[in-house]
Amino acid sequence: LRGSAIVNVSCGHEHMVALSKDGLLYACGRNGSGQLGNGDIEGKQREIPELLAGFENPGVRIDSFSCGAQHTAAIIRVQRHRLGEALMP
């Protein structure tokens, strides 16, 4: 997160998710139920926030997100394109 301007944070029972000004999501904490959103459900704890894959695409925008006790939910907007159109942020 060093160098990233954080604009929103939500905390669950033992995890947290942060949204950067650039629209990137970072997560850390316990992950026994997959609440970090990184595809790992083996219960590995992440001590340092890690960037969540899939949200770095300029066609994906996070409208809101929230952590519960053992889950994280996000409302995202995906920009759709027709063939031949350039991907614009």
PDB file of N, CA and C in Angstrom:
ATOM      1  N   LEU A   1       0.812  -1.208   0.000  1.00  0.00           N
ATOM      2  CA  LEU A   1       0.000   0.000   0.000  1.00  0.00           C
ATOM      3  C   LEU A   1       0.850   1.265   0.000  1.00  0.00           C
ATOM      4  N   ARG A   2       2.115   1.102   0.236  1.00  0.00           N
ATOM      5  CA  ARG A   2       2.994   2.266   0.260  1.00  0.00           C
ATOM      6  C   ARG A   2       2.889   3.010  -1.066  1.00  0.00           C
ATOM      7  N   GLY A   3       2.610   4.290  -0.991  1.00  0.00           N
ATOM      8  CA  GLY A   3       2.479   5.108  -2.184  1.00  0.00           C
ATOM      9  C   GLY A   3       1.077   5.129  -2.761  1.00  0.00           C
ATOM     10  N   SER A   4       0.159   4.344  -2.204  1.00  0.00           N
ATOM     11  CA  SER A   4      -1.229   4.324  -2.686  1.00  0.00           C
ATOM     12  C   SER A   4      -2.099   5.186  -1.785  1.00  0.00           C
ATOM     13  N   ALA A   5      -2.890   6.034  -2.390  1.00  0.00           N
ATOM     14  CA  ALA A   5      -3.843   6.840  -1.620  1.00  0.00           C
ATOM     15  C   ALA A   5      -5.090   5.992  -1.383  1.00  0.00           C
ATOM     16  N   ILE A   6      -5.378   5.668  -0.130  1.00  0.00           N
ATOM     17  CA  ILE A   6      -6.533   4.840   0.223  1.00  0.00           C
ATOM     18  C   ILE A   6      -7.735   5.743   0.472  1.00  0.00           C
ATOM     19  N   VAL A   7      -8.855   5.423  -0.182  1.00  0.00           N
ATOM     20  CA  VAL A   7     -10.050   6.257  -0.066  1.00  0.00           C
ATOM     21  C   VAL A   7     -11.176   5.599   0.717  1.00  0.00           C
ATOM     22  N   ASN A   8     -11.097   4.265   0.905  1.00  0.00           N
ATOM     23  CA  ASN A   8     -12.157   3.579   1.646  1.00  0.00           C
ATOM     24  C   ASN A   8     -11.600   2.275   2.224  1.00  0.00           C
ATOM     25  N   VAL A   9     -12.043   1.939   3.426  1.00  0.00           N
ATOM     26  CA  VAL A   9     -11.626   0.710   4.100  1.00  0.00           C
ATOM     27  C   VAL A   9     -12.845   0.086   4.751  1.00  0.00           C
ATOM     28  N   SER A  10     -12.916  -1.240   4.706  1.00  0.00           N
ATOM     29  CA  SER A  10     -13.960  -1.964   5.423  1.00  0.00           C
ATOM     30  C   SER A  10     -13.304  -3.123   6.150  1.00  0.00           C
ATOM     31  N   CYS A  11     -13.798  -3.407   7.354  1.00  0.00           N
ATOM     32  CA  CYS A  11     -13.212  -4.470   8.175  1.00  0.00           C
ATOM     33  C   CYS A  11     -14.250  -5.522   8.510  1.00  0.00           C
ATOM     34  N   GLY A  12     -13.834  -6.783   8.427  1.00  0.00           N
ATOM     35  CA  GLY A  12     -14.639  -7.905   8.878  1.00  0.00           C
ATOM     36  C   GLY A  12     -14.154  -8.323  10.254  1.00  0.00           C
ATOM     37  N   HIS A  13     -14.486  -9.557  10.635  1.00  0.00           N
ATOM     38  CA  HIS A  13     -14.086 -10.044  11.954  1.00  0.00           C
ATOM     39  C   HIS A  13     -12.570 -10.130  12.082  1.00  0.00           C
ATOM     40  N   GLU A  14     -11.910 -10.695  11.062  1.00  0.00           N
ATOM     41  CA  GLU A  14     -10.455 -10.838  11.106  1.00  0.00           C
ATOM     42  C   GLU A  14      -9.810 -10.546   9.756  1.00  0.00           C
ATOM     43  N   HIS A  15     -10.412  -9.673   8.967  1.00  0.00           N
ATOM     44  CA  HIS A  15      -9.835  -9.281   7.688  1.00  0.00           C
ATOM     45  C   HIS A  15     -10.247  -7.853   7.359  1.00  0.00           C
ATOM     46  N   MET A  16      -9.536  -7.264   6.400  1.00  0.00           N
ATOM     47  CA  MET A  16      -9.898  -5.930   5.952  1.00  0.00           C
ATOM     48  C   MET A  16      -9.619  -5.813   4.458  1.00  0.00           C
ATOM     49  N   VAL A  17     -10.372  -4.914   3.834  1.00  0.00           N
ATOM     50  CA  VAL A  17     -10.214  -4.622   2.411  1.00  0.00           C
ATOM     51  C   VAL A  17     -10.124  -3.116   2.272  1.00  0.00           C
ATOM     52  N   ALA A  18      -9.216  -2.659   1.401  1.00  0.00           N
ATOM     53  CA  ALA A  18      -9.011  -1.225   1.193  1.00  0.00           C
ATOM     54  C   ALA A  18      -9.094  -0.914  -0.298  1.00  0.00           C
ATOM     55  N   LEU A  19      -9.684   0.228  -0.629  1.00  0.00           N
ATOM     56  CA  LEU A  19      -9.815   0.705  -2.004  1.00  0.00           C
ATOM     57  C   LEU A  19      -8.894   1.893  -2.192  1.00  0.00           C
ATOM     58  N   SER A  20      -8.058   1.843  -3.227  1.00  0.00           N
ATOM     59  CA  SER A  20      -7.152   2.958  -3.503  1.00  0.00           C
ATOM     60  C   SER A  20      -7.836   3.980  -4.408  1.00  0.00           C
ATOM     61  N   LYS A  21      -7.264   5.159  -4.460  1.00  0.00           N
ATOM     62  CA  LYS A  21      -7.774   6.228  -5.320  1.00  0.00           C
ATOM     63  C   LYS A  21      -7.779   5.788  -6.786  1.00  0.00           C
ATOM     64  N   ASP A  22      -6.860   4.892  -7.127  1.00  0.00           N
ATOM     65  CA  ASP A  22      -6.763   4.375  -8.497  1.00  0.00           C
ATOM     66  C   ASP A  22      -7.798   3.293  -8.797  1.00  0.00           C
ATOM     67  N   GLY A  23      -8.630   2.935  -7.810  1.00  0.00           N
ATOM     68  CA  GLY A  23      -9.667   1.929  -8.010  1.00  0.00           C
ATOM     69  C   GLY A  23      -9.210   0.501  -7.796  1.00  0.00           C
ATOM     70  N   LEU A  24      -8.069   0.320  -7.139  1.00  0.00           N
ATOM     71  CA  LEU A  24      -7.545  -1.014  -6.878  1.00  0.00           C
ATOM     72  C   LEU A  24      -7.951  -1.473  -5.486  1.00  0.00           C
ATOM     73  N   LEU A  25      -8.247  -2.777  -5.350  1.00  0.00           N
ATOM     74  CA  LEU A  25      -8.621  -3.348  -4.061  1.00  0.00           C
ATOM     75  C   LEU A  25      -7.452  -4.129  -3.475  1.00  0.00           C
ATOM     76  N   TYR A  26      -7.216  -3.927  -2.187  1.00  0.00           N
ATOM     77  CA  TYR A  26      -6.187  -4.642  -1.448  1.00  0.00           C
ATOM     78  C   TYR A  26      -6.860  -5.332  -0.267  1.00  0.00           C
ATOM     79  N   ALA A  27      -6.364  -6.520   0.107  1.00  0.00           N
ATOM     80  CA  ALA A  27      -6.967  -7.259   1.215  1.00  0.00           C
ATOM     81  C   ALA A  27      -5.888  -7.920   2.059  1.00  0.00           C
ATOM     82  N   CYS A  28      -6.186  -8.062   3.360  1.00  0.00           N
ATOM     83  CA  CYS A  28      -5.295  -8.803   4.254  1.00  0.00           C
ATOM     84  C   CYS A  28      -6.105  -9.325   5.435  1.00  0.00           C
ATOM     85  N   GLY A  29      -5.488 -10.255   6.178  1.00  0.00           N
ATOM     86  CA  GLY A  29      -6.127 -10.847   7.346  1.00  0.00           C
ATOM     87  C   GLY A  29      -6.330 -12.337   7.157  1.00  0.00           C
ATOM     88  N   ARG A  30      -7.240 -12.909   7.945  1.00  0.00           N
ATOM     89  CA  ARG A  30      -7.551 -14.343   7.840  1.00  0.00           C
ATOM     90  C   ARG A  30      -8.400 -14.588   6.599  1.00  0.00           C
ATOM     91  N   ASN A  31      -8.281 -15.807   6.058  1.00  0.00           N
ATOM     92  CA  ASN A  31      -8.936 -16.107   4.793  1.00  0.00           C
ATOM     93  C   ASN A  31      -9.571 -17.491   4.779  1.00  0.00           C
ATOM     94  N   GLY A  32     -10.007 -17.991   5.916  1.00  0.00           N
ATOM     95  CA  GLY A  32     -10.556 -19.337   5.998  1.00  0.00           C
ATOM     96  C   GLY A  32     -11.807 -19.581   5.190  1.00  0.00           C
ATOM     97  N   SER A  33     -12.546 -18.544   4.867  1.00  0.00           N
ATOM     98  CA  SER A  33     -13.776 -18.684   4.085  1.00  0.00           C
ATOM     99  C   SER A  33     -13.669 -18.030   2.717  1.00  0.00           C
ATOM    100  N   GLY A  34     -12.457 -17.663   2.323  1.00  0.00           N
ATOM    101  CA  GLY A  34     -12.268 -17.015   1.032  1.00  0.00           C
ATOM    102  C   GLY A  34     -12.612 -15.535   1.031  1.00  0.00           C
ATOM    103  N   GLN A  35     -12.743 -14.940   2.204  1.00  0.00           N
ATOM    104  CA  GLN A  35     -13.194 -13.554   2.311  1.00  0.00           C
ATOM    105  C   GLN A  35     -12.214 -12.529   1.745  1.00  0.00           C
ATOM    106  N   LEU A  36     -10.960 -12.926   1.516  1.00  0.00           N
ATOM    107  CA  LEU A  36     -10.011 -11.975   0.928  1.00  0.00           C
ATOM    108  C   LEU A  36     -10.188 -11.834  -0.577  1.00  0.00           C
ATOM    109  N   GLY A  37     -10.901 -12.772  -1.193  1.00  0.00           N
ATOM    110  CA  GLY A  37     -11.175 -12.652  -2.620  1.00  0.00           C
ATOM    111  C   GLY A  37      -9.997 -12.963  -3.515  1.00  0.00           C
ATOM    112  N   ASN A  38      -9.003 -13.682  -3.002  1.00  0.00           N
ATOM    113  CA  ASN A  38      -7.822 -13.991  -3.804  1.00  0.00           C
ATOM    114  C   ASN A  38      -7.804 -15.437  -4.305  1.00  0.00           C
ATOM    115  N   GLY A  39      -8.896 -16.156  -4.123  1.00  0.00           N
ATOM    116  CA  GLY A  39      -8.989 -17.526  -4.604  1.00  0.00           C
ATOM    117  C   GLY A  39      -8.446 -18.577  -3.645  1.00  0.00           C
ATOM    118  N   ASP A  40      -7.825 -18.165  -2.571  1.00  0.00           N
ATOM    119  CA  ASP A  40      -7.236 -19.079  -1.591  1.00  0.00           C
ATOM    120  C   ASP A  40      -8.209 -19.259  -0.431  1.00  0.00           C
ATOM    121  N   ILE A  41      -8.618 -20.497  -0.174  1.00  0.00           N
ATOM    122  CA  ILE A  41      -9.514 -20.742   0.964  1.00  0.00           C
ATOM    123  C   ILE A  41      -8.898 -21.738   1.939  1.00  0.00           C
ATOM    124  N   GLU A  42      -7.583 -21.828   1.945  1.00  0.00           N
ATOM    125  CA  GLU A  42      -6.894 -22.753   2.832  1.00  0.00           C
ATOM    126  C   GLU A  42      -6.660 -22.174   4.222  1.00  0.00           C
ATOM    127  N   GLY A  43      -7.184 -21.011   4.486  1.00  0.00           N
ATOM    128  CA  GLY A  43      -7.047 -20.424   5.803  1.00  0.00           C
ATOM    129  C   GLY A  43      -5.740 -19.694   6.034  1.00  0.00           C
ATOM    130  N   LYS A  44      -4.973 -19.459   4.984  1.00  0.00           N
ATOM    131  CA  LYS A  44      -3.713 -18.740   5.134  1.00  0.00           C
ATOM    132  C   LYS A  44      -3.973 -17.286   5.485  1.00  0.00           C
ATOM    133  N   GLN A  45      -3.270 -16.818   6.480  1.00  0.00           N
ATOM    134  CA  GLN A  45      -3.410 -15.425   6.887  1.00  0.00           C
ATOM    135  C   GLN A  45      -2.450 -14.570   6.074  1.00  0.00           C
ATOM    136  N   ARG A  46      -2.918 -13.450   5.593  1.00  0.00           N
ATOM    137  CA  ARG A  46      -2.104 -12.494   4.852  1.00  0.00           C
ATOM    138  C   ARG A  46      -1.820 -11.316   5.773  1.00  0.00           C
ATOM    139  N   GLU A  47      -0.571 -11.175   6.168  1.00  0.00           N
ATOM    140  CA  GLU A  47      -0.184 -10.099   7.084  1.00  0.00           C
ATOM    141  C   GLU A  47      -0.093  -8.744   6.381  1.00  0.00           C
ATOM    142  N   ILE A  48       0.303  -8.776   5.120  1.00  0.00           N
ATOM    143  CA  ILE A  48       0.483  -7.551   4.342  1.00  0.00           C
ATOM    144  C   ILE A  48      -0.605  -7.488   3.291  1.00  0.00           C
ATOM    145  N   PRO A  49      -1.281  -6.333   3.138  1.00  0.00           N
ATOM    146  CA  PRO A  49      -2.325  -6.230   2.115  1.00  0.00           C
ATOM    147  C   PRO A  49      -1.779  -6.568   0.727  1.00  0.00           C
ATOM    148  N   GLU A  50      -2.534  -7.380  -0.005  1.00  0.00           N
ATOM    149  CA  GLU A  50      -2.132  -7.740  -1.369  1.00  0.00           C
ATOM    150  C   GLU A  50      -3.184  -7.271  -2.351  1.00  0.00           C
ATOM    151  N   LEU A  51      -2.725  -6.913  -3.528  1.00  0.00           N
ATOM    152  CA  LEU A  51      -3.604  -6.454  -4.593  1.00  0.00           C
ATOM    153  C   LEU A  51      -4.464  -7.618  -5.062  1.00  0.00           C
ATOM    154  N   LEU A  52      -5.762  -7.386  -5.178  1.00  0.00           N
ATOM    155  CA  LEU A  52      -6.665  -8.418  -5.674  1.00  0.00           C
ATOM    156  C   LEU A  52      -6.717  -8.359  -7.189  1.00  0.00           C
ATOM    157  N   ALA A  53      -6.510  -9.497  -7.820  1.00  0.00           N
ATOM    158  CA  ALA A  53      -6.501  -9.572  -9.282  1.00  0.00           C
ATOM    159  C   ALA A  53      -7.894  -9.339  -9.846  1.00  0.00           C
ATOM    160  N   GLY A  54      -7.940  -8.778 -11.048  1.00  0.00           N
ATOM    161  CA  GLY A  54      -9.198  -8.581 -11.757  1.00  0.00           C
ATOM    162  C   GLY A  54      -9.746  -7.170 -11.666  1.00  0.00           C
ATOM    163  N   PHE A  55      -9.336  -6.432 -10.643  1.00  0.00           N
ATOM    164  CA  PHE A  55      -9.856  -5.078 -10.479  1.00  0.00           C
ATOM    165  C   PHE A  55      -8.939  -4.023 -11.090  1.00  0.00           C
ATOM    166  N   GLU A  56      -7.773  -4.450 -11.620  1.00  0.00           N
ATOM    167  CA  GLU A  56      -6.854  -3.501 -12.215  1.00  0.00           C
ATOM    168  C   GLU A  56      -7.218  -3.173 -13.668  1.00  0.00           C
ATOM    169  N   ASN A  57      -8.192  -3.888 -14.226  1.00  0.00           N
ATOM    170  CA  ASN A  57      -8.663  -3.638 -15.582  1.00  0.00           C
ATOM    171  C   ASN A  57      -9.350  -2.278 -15.649  1.00  0.00           C
ATOM    172  N   PRO A  58      -8.979  -1.411 -16.603  1.00  0.00           N
ATOM    173  CA  PRO A  58      -9.615  -0.086 -16.681  1.00  0.00           C
ATOM    174  C   PRO A  58     -11.106  -0.138 -16.990  1.00  0.00           C
ATOM    175  N   GLY A  59     -11.608  -1.285 -17.478  1.00  0.00           N
ATOM    176  CA  GLY A  59     -13.033  -1.424 -17.754  1.00  0.00           C
ATOM    177  C   GLY A  59     -13.849  -1.858 -16.553  1.00  0.00           C
ATOM    178  N   VAL A  60     -13.200  -2.059 -15.392  1.00  0.00           N
ATOM    179  CA  VAL A  60     -13.883  -2.477 -14.161  1.00  0.00           C
ATOM    180  C   VAL A  60     -13.777  -1.361 -13.135  1.00  0.00           C
ATOM    181  N   ARG A  61     -14.925  -0.948 -12.595  1.00  0.00           N
ATOM    182  CA  ARG A  61     -14.934   0.089 -11.566  1.00  0.00           C
ATOM    183  C   ARG A  61     -15.702  -0.415 -10.350  1.00  0.00           C
ATOM    184  N   ILE A  62     -15.156  -0.197  -9.175  1.00  0.00           N
ATOM    185  CA  ILE A  62     -15.804  -0.620  -7.940  1.00  0.00           C
ATOM    186  C   ILE A  62     -16.702   0.512  -7.464  1.00  0.00           C
ATOM    187  N   ASP A  63     -17.997   0.250  -7.403  1.00  0.00           N
ATOM    188  CA  ASP A  63     -18.938   1.255  -6.915  1.00  0.00           C
ATOM    189  C   ASP A  63     -18.984   1.275  -5.394  1.00  0.00           C
ATOM    190  N   SER A  64     -18.960   0.098  -4.777  1.00  0.00           N
ATOM    191  CA  SER A  64     -18.945   0.021  -3.314  1.00  0.00           C
ATOM    192  C   SER A  64     -18.526  -1.385  -2.899  1.00  0.00           C
ATOM    193  N   PHE A  65     -18.117  -1.522  -1.647  1.00  0.00           N
ATOM    194  CA  PHE A  65     -17.759  -2.821  -1.107  1.00  0.00           C
ATOM    195  C   PHE A  65     -17.933  -2.786   0.396  1.00  0.00           C
ATOM    196  N   SER A  66     -18.070  -3.956   0.982  1.00  0.00           N
ATOM    197  CA  SER A  66     -18.255  -4.049   2.423  1.00  0.00           C
ATOM    198  C   SER A  66     -17.806  -5.421   2.903  1.00  0.00           C
ATOM    199  N   CYS A  67     -17.214  -5.450   4.092  1.00  0.00           N
ATOM    200  CA  CYS A  67     -16.798  -6.704   4.711  1.00  0.00           C
ATOM    201  C   CYS A  67     -17.801  -7.081   5.788  1.00  0.00           C
ATOM    202  N   GLY A  68     -18.116  -8.371   5.865  1.00  0.00           N
ATOM    203  CA  GLY A  68     -18.892  -8.913   6.961  1.00  0.00           C
ATOM    204  C   GLY A  68     -17.960  -9.728   7.834  1.00  0.00           C
ATOM    205  N   ALA A  69     -18.517 -10.481   8.747  1.00  0.00           N
ATOM    206  CA  ALA A  69     -17.687 -11.277   9.654  1.00  0.00           C
ATOM    207  C   ALA A  69     -16.737 -12.178   8.883  1.00  0.00           C
ATOM    208  N   GLN A  70     -17.257 -12.927   7.907  1.00  0.00           N
ATOM    209  CA  GLN A  70     -16.421 -13.862   7.156  1.00  0.00           C
ATOM    210  C   GLN A  70     -16.694 -13.781   5.661  1.00  0.00           C
ATOM    211  N   HIS A  71     -16.970 -12.600   5.171  1.00  0.00           N
ATOM    212  CA  HIS A  71     -17.188 -12.424   3.736  1.00  0.00           C
ATOM    213  C   HIS A  71     -16.868 -10.991   3.335  1.00  0.00           C
ATOM    214  N   THR A  72     -16.710 -10.800   2.044  1.00  0.00           N
ATOM    215  CA  THR A  72     -16.563  -9.475   1.455  1.00  0.00           C
ATOM    216  C   THR A  72     -17.439  -9.441   0.219  1.00  0.00           C
ATOM    217  N   ALA A  73     -18.178  -8.367   0.048  1.00  0.00           N
ATOM    218  CA  ALA A  73     -19.036  -8.202  -1.123  1.00  0.00           C
ATOM    219  C   ALA A  73     -18.679  -6.887  -1.805  1.00  0.00           C
ATOM    220  N   ALA A  74     -18.739  -6.894  -3.128  1.00  0.00           N
ATOM    221  CA  ALA A  74     -18.438  -5.682  -3.889  1.00  0.00           C
ATOM    222  C   ALA A  74     -19.462  -5.517  -4.995  1.00  0.00           C
ATOM    223  N   ILE A  75     -19.824  -4.287  -5.246  1.00  0.00           N
ATOM    224  CA  ILE A  75     -20.661  -3.943  -6.393  1.00  0.00           C
ATOM    225  C   ILE A  75     -19.720  -3.300  -7.400  1.00  0.00           C
ATOM    226  N   ILE A  76     -19.626  -3.933  -8.564  1.00  0.00           N
ATOM    227  CA  ILE A  76     -18.706  -3.424  -9.577  1.00  0.00           C
ATOM    228  C   ILE A  76     -19.471  -3.042 -10.836  1.00  0.00           C
ATOM    229  N   ARG A  77     -18.875  -2.181 -11.607  1.00  0.00           N
ATOM    230  CA  ARG A  77     -19.425  -1.784 -12.898  1.00  0.00           C
ATOM    231  C   ARG A  77     -18.410  -2.216 -13.954  1.00  0.00           C
ATOM    232  N   VAL A  78     -18.875  -2.936 -14.961  1.00  0.00           N
ATOM    233  CA  VAL A  78     -18.006  -3.409 -16.031  1.00  0.00           C
ATOM    234  C   VAL A  78     -18.401  -2.692 -17.314  1.00  0.00           C
ATOM    235  N   GLN A  79     -17.424  -2.031 -17.909  1.00  0.00           N
ATOM    236  CA  GLN A  79     -17.671  -1.319 -19.154  1.00  0.00           C
ATOM    237  C   GLN A  79     -17.677  -2.329 -20.291  1.00  0.00           C
ATOM    238  N   ARG A  80     -18.741  -2.308 -21.085  1.00  0.00           N
ATOM    239  CA  ARG A  80     -18.848  -3.231 -22.206  1.00  0.00           C
ATOM    240  C   ARG A  80     -18.477  -2.513 -23.486  1.00  0.00           C
ATOM    241  N   HIS A  81     -17.970  -3.280 -24.447  1.00  0.00           N
ATOM    242  CA  HIS A  81     -17.524  -2.711 -25.713  1.00  0.00           C
ATOM    243  C   HIS A  81     -18.010  -3.570 -26.870  1.00  0.00           C
ATOM    244  N   ARG A  82     -18.196  -2.917 -27.994  1.00  0.00           N
ATOM    245  CA  ARG A  82     -18.488  -3.657 -29.217  1.00  0.00           C
ATOM    246  C   ARG A  82     -17.170  -3.953 -29.917  1.00  0.00           C
ATOM    247  N   LEU A  83     -17.171  -4.928 -30.765  1.00  0.00           N
ATOM    248  CA  LEU A  83     -15.961  -5.241 -31.536  1.00  0.00           C
ATOM    249  C   LEU A  83     -15.513  -4.009 -32.296  1.00  0.00           C
ATOM    250  N   GLY A  84     -14.221  -3.753 -32.265  1.00  0.00           N
ATOM    251  CA  GLY A  84     -13.671  -2.612 -32.985  1.00  0.00           C
ATOM    252  C   GLY A  84     -13.540  -1.360 -32.153  1.00  0.00           C
ATOM    253  N   GLU A  85     -14.160  -1.318 -30.951  1.00  0.00           N
ATOM    254  CA  GLU A  85     -14.041  -0.154 -30.095  1.00  0.00           C
ATOM    255  C   GLU A  85     -12.816  -0.286 -29.211  1.00  0.00           C
ATOM    256  N   ALA A  86     -12.165   0.829 -28.956  1.00  0.00           N
ATOM    257  CA  ALA A  86     -11.015   0.826 -28.055  1.00  0.00           C
ATOM    258  C   ALA A  86     -11.491   0.788 -26.618  1.00  0.00           C
ATOM    259  N   LEU A  87     -10.715   0.150 -25.750  1.00  0.00           N
ATOM    260  CA  LEU A  87     -11.023   0.098 -24.321  1.00  0.00           C
ATOM    261  C   LEU A  87     -10.624   1.423 -23.694  1.00  0.00           C
ATOM    262  N   MET A  88     -11.597   2.165 -23.255  1.00  0.00           N
ATOM    263  CA  MET A  88     -11.352   3.483 -22.681  1.00  0.00           C
ATOM    264  C   MET A  88     -11.703   3.435 -21.195  1.00  0.00           C
ATOM    265  N   PRO A  89     -10.892   4.056 -20.353  1.00  0.00           N
ATOM    266  CA  PRO A  89     -11.211   4.061 -18.907  1.00  0.00           C
ATOM    267  C   PRO A  89     -12.451   4.877 -18.611  1.00  0.00           C
TER     268      PRO A  89
END
